[in-house]
Amino acid sequence: MRFPFLQAWRRAGANAGAVPETKAGGFVTLTAEGRARWTSRSYAALAREGFMRNPVAHRAVRMIAEAAASVPWLVYEGEDELADNPVAGLLSRPNARMGGNEFFEALYGHLQISGNAFVEGVRIGGDLRELHLLRPDRVRVIEGRDGWPEAYEYRAGAHVRRYPAADGGAGGAAAGGAAVLHLRLFHPLDDHLGFAPLEAASVALDLSNAAAHWNKALLDNSARPSGALVYQPKDGGNLSPDQYDRLKAELEEGYSGPARAGRPMLLEGGLDWKAMGLSPREMDFVEAKNGAARDIALAFGVPPMLIGIPGDATYANYQEANRAFWRLTVLPLIFRTASTLSGWFSEGRATPLRLAPDLDQVAGLSAERGELWARVGGAGFLSDEEKRRAVGY
């Protein structure tokens, strides 16, 4: 970022032929341009500036992806649970290179960073045998004449592969039978692609990263704030045009921009430096950093208390915050994924399959599960069979 100079006086004689004016005694200040520069909204830029460089965004994505991927899947055909169904084995081992947890962690991570996740299914004899993830930034949705996706084009380097979309793929998530399953989050302005939580947090993300970079630059230069350069000649006289231009050029080249923040200046006779910038304490960088962190956590649906952001008193304790995280963020994502996968796996079957998360294995919901069992167990008007159904068995 460049820092132009604001003159405390106006230079007269700007028209052609005017006599150059000598520069009177005064001061020159350094100030930032009024234009903000934002990170690109592309998948690569958001992944690089958010997940790979911002600790809050990185932790929020990992918390959601790891929590959702840790929940085991149950496969049902009608009301019957199928423990040995091939689909159950496929979910626990999607392909030879990835286990179930690793596969779904990457899938949920794609949804948080891109808003989209693409799953390629390898079919042999009409049956799904392997599942592979396609990186979202390498996939292009090709729209047909009717406005629905006609195909998906995957490009990796010079290699391009085209996958036909399912017929009548309303909603963007391809129905079963298609080679590629497209999962996406809601986007109000795009018919085919999803909107990522990380993109909603991009403004707070840039503020957080910029504050960190600026603080680092100040620390590298003895943490000295900017100010004004004052010309105070001892024996009268003013700066000549050549002296003024040389001084301005030296300031622009040697002391402008965040990378040179606080760099010590070498002053000649008659020049004095008056610090005018706010100190880090006055600018309250810590609170600004925490405010940006809260906005990032809010976009992902992660209670700030769980990330260690101070000053958040939304929840009475850590347990309540963790319960809200599971109920409001993780479980809706899991149920959304289960519904889409169920339709995909059910293609061509007389009796559709239904995927459901095994919530009894979620430690974060153990308190709620205990309360449910206590209420159902105390309901004397229910039979044992009805009680089992009430708690999900």
Protein backbone atom coordinates (compact mmCIF):
# COMPACT_ATOMS: atom_id res chain seq x y z
CA MET A 1 0.00 0.00 0.00
CA ARG A 2 1.38 3.44 -0.89
CA PHE A 3 1.10 6.46 1.37
CA PRO A 4 0.80 9.74 -0.59
CA PHE A 5 1.71 13.06 0.99
CA LEU A 6 -0.88 15.66 1.99
CA GLN A 7 0.57 19.15 1.67
CA ALA A 8 -0.26 21.70 4.33
CA TRP A 9 -0.13 24.37 1.65
CA ARG A 10 -1.21 24.60 -2.00
CA ARG A 11 1.36 25.11 -4.71
CA ALA A 12 0.45 28.19 -6.62
CA GLY A 13 1.23 28.65 -10.30
CA ALA A 14 0.11 25.22 -11.45
CA ASN A 15 -0.78 26.55 -14.91
CA ALA A 16 1.74 26.53 -17.74
CA GLY A 17 4.14 29.43 -17.61
CA ALA A 18 3.69 30.12 -13.92
CA VAL A 19 6.75 30.99 -11.86
CA PRO A 20 7.75 28.13 -9.54
CA GLU A 21 7.10 28.90 -5.91
CA THR A 22 9.56 28.11 -3.15
CA LYS A 23 8.26 25.93 -0.35
CA ALA A 24 7.49 27.75 2.86
CA GLY A 25 8.20 26.30 6.26
CA GLY A 26 5.52 23.79 7.34
CA PHE A 27 4.99 20.09 7.68
CA VAL A 28 4.22 17.03 5.59
CA THR A 29 2.15 14.13 6.94
CA LEU A 30 1.91 10.52 5.88
CA THR A 31 -1.59 9.10 5.47
CA ALA A 32 -3.17 6.05 3.89
CA GLU A 33 -5.33 6.05 0.79
CA GLY A 34 -9.06 5.87 1.35
CA ARG A 35 -9.46 2.72 -0.74
CA ALA A 36 -9.52 -0.67 0.90
CA ARG A 37 -7.98 -3.65 -0.82
CA TRP A 38 -9.80 -6.93 -0.34
CA THR A 39 -8.81 -10.51 -0.90
CA SER A 40 -10.11 -12.13 -4.06
CA ARG A 41 -13.21 -14.29 -3.54
CA SER A 42 -11.78 -17.20 -5.50
CA TYR A 43 -11.40 -20.60 -3.83
CA ALA A 44 -7.60 -20.45 -3.97
CA ALA A 45 -7.43 -16.94 -2.47
CA LEU A 46 -9.89 -17.72 0.33
CA ALA A 47 -8.13 -20.98 1.13
CA ARG A 48 -4.73 -19.29 1.18
CA GLU A 49 -5.65 -16.15 3.15
CA GLY A 50 -8.21 -17.86 5.38
CA PHE A 51 -7.56 -21.51 6.12
CA MET A 52 -3.80 -21.40 5.55
CA ARG A 53 -2.91 -18.00 7.08
CA ASN A 54 -5.60 -17.05 9.58
CA PRO A 55 -5.66 -19.05 12.82
CA VAL A 56 -9.31 -18.29 13.62
CA ALA A 57 -10.62 -19.34 10.21
CA HIS A 58 -8.32 -22.36 10.20
CA ARG A 59 -9.55 -23.50 13.60
CA ALA A 60 -13.22 -22.88 12.77
CA VAL A 61 -13.04 -24.94 9.56
CA ARG A 62 -11.21 -27.76 11.30
CA MET A 63 -13.62 -27.82 14.24
CA ILE A 64 -16.66 -28.16 11.98
CA ALA A 65 -15.07 -30.64 9.58
CA GLU A 66 -13.53 -32.84 12.27
CA ALA A 67 -16.65 -32.83 14.44
CA ALA A 68 -18.98 -33.70 11.55
CA ALA A 69 -16.62 -36.36 10.18
CA SER A 70 -16.34 -38.07 13.57
CA VAL A 71 -20.02 -39.09 13.60
CA PRO A 72 -20.52 -42.69 12.35
CA TRP A 73 -23.15 -43.49 9.72
CA LEU A 74 -26.06 -45.91 10.00
CA VAL A 75 -27.69 -47.37 6.88
CA TYR A 76 -31.40 -48.22 6.85
CA GLU A 77 -33.65 -49.92 4.32
CA GLY A 78 -37.10 -48.88 5.34
CA GLU A 79 -37.10 -49.34 9.13
CA ASP A 80 -34.41 -52.03 9.18
CA GLU A 81 -30.80 -51.20 9.95
CA LEU A 82 -28.33 -52.79 7.54
CA ALA A 83 -25.08 -53.38 9.37
CA ASP A 84 -23.38 -55.38 6.61
CA ASN A 85 -24.65 -53.42 3.60
CA PRO A 86 -21.97 -52.55 1.00
CA VAL A 87 -22.90 -48.89 1.38
CA ALA A 88 -21.87 -49.01 5.03
CA GLY A 89 -18.51 -50.42 4.01
CA LEU A 90 -18.15 -47.75 1.33
CA LEU A 91 -18.78 -44.98 3.86
CA SER A 92 -16.15 -46.36 6.22
CA ARG A 93 -13.61 -46.86 3.40
CA PRO A 94 -14.52 -44.70 0.36
CA ASN A 95 -11.38 -45.56 -1.59
CA ALA A 96 -7.98 -47.18 -1.22
CA ARG A 97 -6.27 -43.91 -0.27
CA MET A 98 -8.73 -42.45 2.26
CA GLY A 99 -10.62 -43.69 5.27
CA GLY A 100 -14.12 -42.56 6.10
CA ASN A 101 -13.12 -39.86 8.60
CA GLU A 102 -10.49 -38.39 6.28
CA PHE A 103 -12.88 -38.42 3.32
CA PHE A 104 -15.73 -36.65 5.12
CA GLU A 105 -13.38 -34.20 6.82
CA ALA A 106 -12.20 -33.08 3.39
CA LEU A 107 -15.78 -33.00 2.07
CA TYR A 108 -16.99 -30.75 4.90
CA GLY A 109 -13.86 -28.61 4.54
CA HIS A 110 -14.67 -28.03 0.86
CA LEU A 111 -18.17 -26.93 1.84
CA GLN A 112 -16.85 -24.42 4.40
CA ILE A 113 -14.21 -22.90 2.11
CA SER A 114 -15.92 -23.18 -1.28
CA GLY A 115 -19.59 -23.72 -0.51
CA ASN A 116 -19.42 -26.72 -2.87
CA ALA A 117 -18.28 -30.33 -2.66
CA PHE A 118 -18.04 -32.72 -5.61
CA VAL A 119 -17.96 -36.50 -5.13
CA GLU A 120 -17.04 -38.78 -8.02
CA GLY A 121 -18.54 -42.25 -7.82
CA VAL A 122 -16.83 -45.21 -9.48
CA ARG A 123 -19.46 -47.75 -10.55
CA ILE A 124 -18.86 -51.35 -11.54
CA GLY A 125 -21.86 -53.28 -12.78
CA GLY A 126 -24.15 -50.44 -11.73
CA ASP A 127 -22.97 -50.53 -8.10
CA LEU A 128 -20.89 -47.84 -6.44
CA ARG A 129 -17.50 -49.26 -5.49
CA GLU A 130 -15.40 -46.16 -4.73
CA LEU A 131 -15.89 -42.50 -3.84
CA HIS A 132 -13.40 -39.75 -4.71
CA LEU A 133 -13.45 -36.02 -3.97
CA LEU A 134 -12.91 -33.47 -6.75
CA ARG A 135 -11.33 -30.17 -5.77
CA PRO A 136 -14.01 -27.47 -6.18
CA ASP A 137 -11.84 -24.93 -8.01
CA ARG A 138 -11.11 -27.50 -10.73
CA VAL A 139 -14.78 -28.20 -11.47
CA ARG A 140 -16.89 -26.13 -13.85
CA VAL A 141 -20.66 -26.48 -14.06
CA ILE A 142 -21.88 -26.51 -17.67
CA GLU A 143 -25.41 -25.21 -17.97
CA GLY A 144 -27.84 -26.71 -20.46
CA ARG A 145 -30.51 -24.95 -22.51
CA ASP A 146 -33.12 -25.59 -19.85
CA GLY A 147 -31.03 -23.81 -17.23
CA TRP A 148 -30.12 -26.93 -15.25
CA PRO A 149 -26.59 -28.39 -15.08
CA GLU A 150 -25.88 -30.43 -18.18
CA ALA A 151 -22.42 -31.64 -17.25
CA TYR A 152 -19.49 -31.13 -14.92
CA GLU A 153 -16.05 -30.45 -16.36
CA TYR A 154 -13.05 -31.36 -14.22
CA ARG A 155 -9.69 -29.86 -15.19
CA ALA A 156 -6.38 -30.88 -13.57
CA GLY A 157 -3.48 -29.35 -15.45
CA ALA A 158 -3.78 -30.31 -19.10
CA HIS A 159 -6.16 -33.17 -18.33
CA VAL A 160 -9.88 -32.42 -18.81
CA ARG A 161 -12.67 -34.83 -18.04
CA ARG A 162 -16.39 -34.29 -18.59
CA TYR A 163 -19.08 -35.92 -16.43
CA PRO A 164 -22.74 -35.83 -17.51
CA ALA A 165 -25.15 -34.53 -14.93
CA ALA A 166 -28.27 -36.41 -13.85
CA ASP A 167 -31.54 -35.72 -15.64
CA GLY A 168 -33.67 -33.11 -13.95
CA GLY A 169 -30.97 -32.26 -11.44
CA ALA A 170 -33.11 -29.70 -9.65
CA GLY A 171 -31.48 -28.22 -6.59
CA GLY A 172 -27.96 -28.69 -7.89
CA ALA A 173 -27.28 -31.95 -6.06
CA ALA A 174 -27.21 -34.55 -8.74
CA ALA A 175 -29.53 -37.48 -8.21
CA GLY A 176 -28.32 -41.06 -8.20
CA GLY A 177 -26.99 -42.47 -11.43
CA ALA A 178 -24.78 -39.48 -12.10
CA ALA A 179 -21.02 -39.94 -12.02
CA VAL A 180 -20.64 -36.78 -9.90
CA LEU A 181 -22.63 -35.81 -6.83
CA HIS A 182 -22.71 -32.07 -6.19
CA LEU A 183 -23.35 -30.89 -2.63
CA ARG A 184 -23.69 -27.17 -2.11
CA LEU A 185 -24.69 -24.61 0.50
CA PHE A 186 -27.40 -22.05 -0.17
CA HIS A 187 -26.47 -19.19 -2.49
CA PRO A 188 -29.03 -16.40 -3.04
CA LEU A 189 -27.54 -15.22 -6.34
CA ASP A 190 -26.29 -18.40 -8.04
CA ASP A 191 -28.48 -21.19 -9.41
CA HIS A 192 -25.76 -23.83 -9.50
CA LEU A 193 -22.96 -23.05 -7.04
CA GLY A 194 -23.00 -22.66 -3.27
CA PHE A 195 -21.93 -19.78 -1.05
CA ALA A 196 -19.09 -20.46 1.38
CA PRO A 197 -19.12 -19.31 5.03
CA LEU A 198 -15.49 -18.27 4.58
CA GLU A 199 -16.55 -15.86 1.83
CA ALA A 200 -19.11 -14.28 4.17
CA ALA A 201 -16.28 -13.76 6.66
CA SER A 202 -13.87 -12.35 4.06
CA VAL A 203 -14.10 -8.72 5.29
CA ALA A 204 -13.33 -9.70 8.88
CA LEU A 205 -10.68 -12.05 7.53
CA ASP A 206 -8.89 -9.23 5.71
CA LEU A 207 -9.12 -6.98 8.78
CA SER A 208 -7.62 -9.69 10.97
CA ASN A 209 -4.78 -10.44 8.54
CA ALA A 210 -4.06 -6.76 7.87
CA ALA A 211 -3.85 -6.00 11.60
CA ALA A 212 -1.45 -8.89 12.07
CA HIS A 213 0.75 -7.77 9.16
CA TRP A 214 0.76 -4.15 10.34
CA ASN A 215 1.69 -5.10 13.89
CA LYS A 216 4.46 -7.33 12.59
CA ALA A 217 5.84 -4.47 10.49
CA LEU A 218 5.79 -2.13 13.48
CA LEU A 219 7.60 -4.68 15.61
CA ASP A 220 10.22 -5.16 12.88
CA ASN A 221 10.84 -1.41 12.93
CA SER A 222 11.01 -0.87 16.70
CA ALA A 223 7.22 -0.37 16.94
CA ARG A 224 7.50 3.34 16.03
CA PRO A 225 4.30 5.05 14.81
CA SER A 226 4.17 7.53 11.92
CA GLY A 227 4.00 11.29 12.31
CA ALA A 228 4.94 14.62 10.67
CA LEU A 229 8.21 15.94 9.26
CA VAL A 230 8.60 19.57 10.34
CA TYR A 231 10.99 22.05 8.66
CA GLN A 232 12.30 24.64 11.11
CA PRO A 233 15.18 26.62 9.57
CA LYS A 234 17.41 28.27 12.14
CA ASP A 235 18.53 31.19 9.97
CA GLY A 236 15.38 31.72 7.91
CA GLY A 237 14.83 30.63 4.33
CA ASN A 238 12.75 27.94 2.72
CA LEU A 239 13.23 24.62 0.96
CA SER A 240 14.13 25.00 -2.66
CA PRO A 241 12.05 23.10 -5.24
CA ASP A 242 14.89 20.61 -5.73
CA GLN A 243 15.23 20.03 -1.98
CA TYR A 244 11.48 19.58 -1.59
CA ASP A 245 11.25 17.06 -4.45
CA ARG A 246 14.26 15.12 -3.18
CA LEU A 247 12.83 14.96 0.35
CA LYS A 248 9.45 13.82 -0.94
CA ALA A 249 11.00 11.12 -3.12
CA GLU A 250 13.15 9.82 -0.26
CA LEU A 251 10.14 9.62 2.04
CA GLU A 252 8.04 7.79 -0.55
CA GLU A 253 10.78 5.30 -1.42
CA GLY A 254 12.18 4.67 2.04
CA TYR A 255 9.38 5.16 4.55
CA SER A 256 6.01 4.53 2.89
CA GLY A 257 3.98 1.33 3.11
CA PRO A 258 3.36 -1.23 5.84
CA ALA A 259 6.64 -3.05 5.17
CA ARG A 260 8.55 0.13 6.15
CA ALA A 261 6.34 1.16 9.07
CA GLY A 262 8.33 2.80 11.85
CA ARG A 263 11.67 2.77 10.01
CA PRO A 264 14.12 5.27 11.63
CA MET A 265 14.73 8.47 9.63
CA LEU A 266 18.01 10.29 8.98
CA LEU A 267 17.28 14.04 9.21
CA GLU A 268 19.39 16.93 7.97
CA GLY A 269 19.66 20.43 9.44
CA GLY A 270 16.35 22.16 10.04
CA LEU A 271 14.26 19.00 9.90
CA ASP A 272 12.51 17.54 12.91
CA TRP A 273 10.23 14.51 13.32
CA LYS A 274 7.05 14.86 15.35
CA ALA A 275 5.26 11.61 16.13
CA MET A 276 1.55 11.95 15.36
CA GLY A 277 0.39 8.37 14.88
CA LEU A 278 -1.63 6.55 17.51
CA SER A 279 0.19 4.08 19.67
CA PRO A 280 -0.78 0.40 19.51
CA ARG A 281 -2.45 0.85 22.91
CA GLU A 282 -4.50 3.83 21.67
CA MET A 283 -5.51 2.05 18.50
CA ASP A 284 -6.47 -0.98 20.64
CA PHE A 285 -5.26 -3.55 18.13
CA VAL A 286 -6.06 -6.35 20.54
CA GLU A 287 -9.77 -5.50 20.70
CA ALA A 288 -9.91 -4.94 16.95
CA LYS A 289 -8.30 -8.33 16.43
CA ASN A 290 -10.78 -10.00 18.79
CA GLY A 291 -13.68 -8.25 17.08
CA ALA A 292 -12.61 -9.56 13.68
CA ALA A 293 -12.13 -13.01 15.19
CA ARG A 294 -15.69 -12.96 16.56
CA ASP A 295 -17.07 -12.05 13.13
CA ILE A 296 -15.15 -14.93 11.53
CA ALA A 297 -16.43 -17.36 14.15
CA LEU A 298 -19.97 -16.01 13.70
CA ALA A 299 -19.90 -16.64 9.95
CA PHE A 300 -18.97 -20.28 10.55
CA GLY A 301 -21.39 -20.77 13.43
CA VAL A 302 -18.67 -21.56 15.98
CA PRO A 303 -19.15 -20.02 19.45
CA PRO A 304 -16.14 -17.72 20.07
CA MET A 305 -15.74 -19.24 23.53
CA LEU A 306 -14.74 -22.54 21.94
CA ILE A 307 -11.92 -20.89 19.96
CA GLY A 308 -10.57 -19.04 22.98
CA ILE A 309 -11.64 -15.51 22.02
CA PRO A 310 -11.87 -13.43 25.23
CA GLY A 311 -14.79 -11.22 26.14
CA ASP A 312 -17.53 -13.52 24.84
CA ALA A 313 -20.27 -14.18 27.42
CA THR A 314 -23.03 -15.45 25.15
CA TYR A 315 -23.12 -18.85 26.83
CA ALA A 316 -23.13 -19.63 30.54
CA ASN A 317 -20.31 -22.13 30.28
CA TYR A 318 -18.20 -24.14 27.89
CA GLN A 319 -20.60 -27.08 27.93
CA GLU A 320 -23.51 -24.92 26.76
CA ALA A 321 -21.38 -23.41 23.99
CA ASN A 322 -20.32 -26.86 22.84
CA ARG A 323 -23.93 -28.08 22.81
CA ALA A 324 -24.99 -25.05 20.74
CA PHE A 325 -22.12 -25.72 18.33
CA TRP A 326 -23.34 -29.27 17.73
CA ARG A 327 -27.03 -28.44 17.53
CA LEU A 328 -26.85 -25.28 15.44
CA THR A 329 -23.86 -25.92 13.18
CA VAL A 330 -22.63 -29.52 13.00
CA LEU A 331 -25.87 -31.51 12.98
CA PRO A 332 -27.64 -29.44 10.28
CA LEU A 333 -24.62 -29.97 8.06
CA ILE A 334 -24.62 -33.72 8.71
CA PHE A 335 -28.36 -34.10 8.08
CA ARG A 336 -28.07 -32.11 4.86
CA THR A 337 -25.29 -34.39 3.67
CA ALA A 338 -27.18 -37.53 4.74
CA SER A 339 -30.25 -36.52 2.73
CA THR A 340 -28.23 -35.93 -0.44
CA LEU A 341 -26.20 -39.12 -0.11
CA SER A 342 -29.33 -41.16 0.59
CA GLY A 343 -30.85 -40.14 -2.73
CA TRP A 344 -27.64 -40.89 -4.57
CA PHE A 345 -27.20 -44.36 -3.10
CA SER A 346 -30.87 -45.23 -3.61
CA GLU A 347 -30.82 -44.91 -7.40
CA GLY A 348 -31.90 -48.12 -9.05
CA ARG A 349 -33.05 -49.78 -5.83
CA ALA A 350 -36.59 -51.02 -5.28
CA THR A 351 -36.44 -49.95 -1.63
CA PRO A 352 -34.58 -46.69 -1.05
CA LEU A 353 -31.72 -46.49 1.40
CA ARG A 354 -31.66 -43.98 4.21
CA LEU A 355 -28.47 -42.72 5.84
CA ALA A 356 -28.59 -41.40 9.39
CA PRO A 357 -25.85 -40.26 11.79
CA ASP A 358 -25.36 -42.36 14.90
CA LEU A 359 -25.83 -39.59 17.46
CA ASP A 360 -25.39 -42.01 20.36
CA GLN A 361 -21.67 -41.90 19.58
CA VAL A 362 -21.45 -38.08 19.90
CA ALA A 363 -19.87 -37.20 23.24
CA GLY A 364 -20.97 -33.57 22.96
CA LEU A 365 -24.64 -34.61 23.04
CA SER A 366 -24.38 -37.07 25.92
CA ALA A 367 -26.20 -34.73 28.34
CA GLU A 368 -29.17 -34.32 26.02
CA ARG A 369 -29.26 -38.04 25.33
CA GLY A 370 -29.32 -38.77 29.07
CA GLU A 371 -32.21 -36.35 29.56
CA LEU A 372 -34.15 -37.98 26.72
CA TRP A 373 -33.66 -41.47 28.10
CA ALA A 374 -34.74 -40.32 31.56
CA ARG A 375 -37.96 -38.78 30.21
CA VAL A 376 -38.78 -41.77 28.03
CA GLY A 377 -37.93 -44.25 30.78
CA GLY A 378 -40.28 -42.48 33.17
CA ALA A 379 -43.20 -42.59 30.69
CA GLY A 380 -45.15 -45.52 32.13
CA PHE A 381 -47.85 -45.28 29.46
CA LEU A 382 -45.34 -46.37 26.76
CA SER A 383 -44.49 -49.96 25.99
CA ASP A 384 -40.89 -51.12 25.76
CA GLU A 385 -41.18 -51.19 21.95
CA GLU A 386 -42.49 -47.61 21.89
CA LYS A 387 -39.72 -46.47 24.21
CA ARG A 388 -37.11 -48.00 21.92
CA ARG A 389 -38.56 -46.18 18.94
CA ALA A 390 -38.71 -42.92 20.88
CA VAL A 391 -34.97 -42.98 21.53
CA GLY A 392 -34.09 -44.02 17.98
CA TYR A 393 -33.77 -47.80 18.23
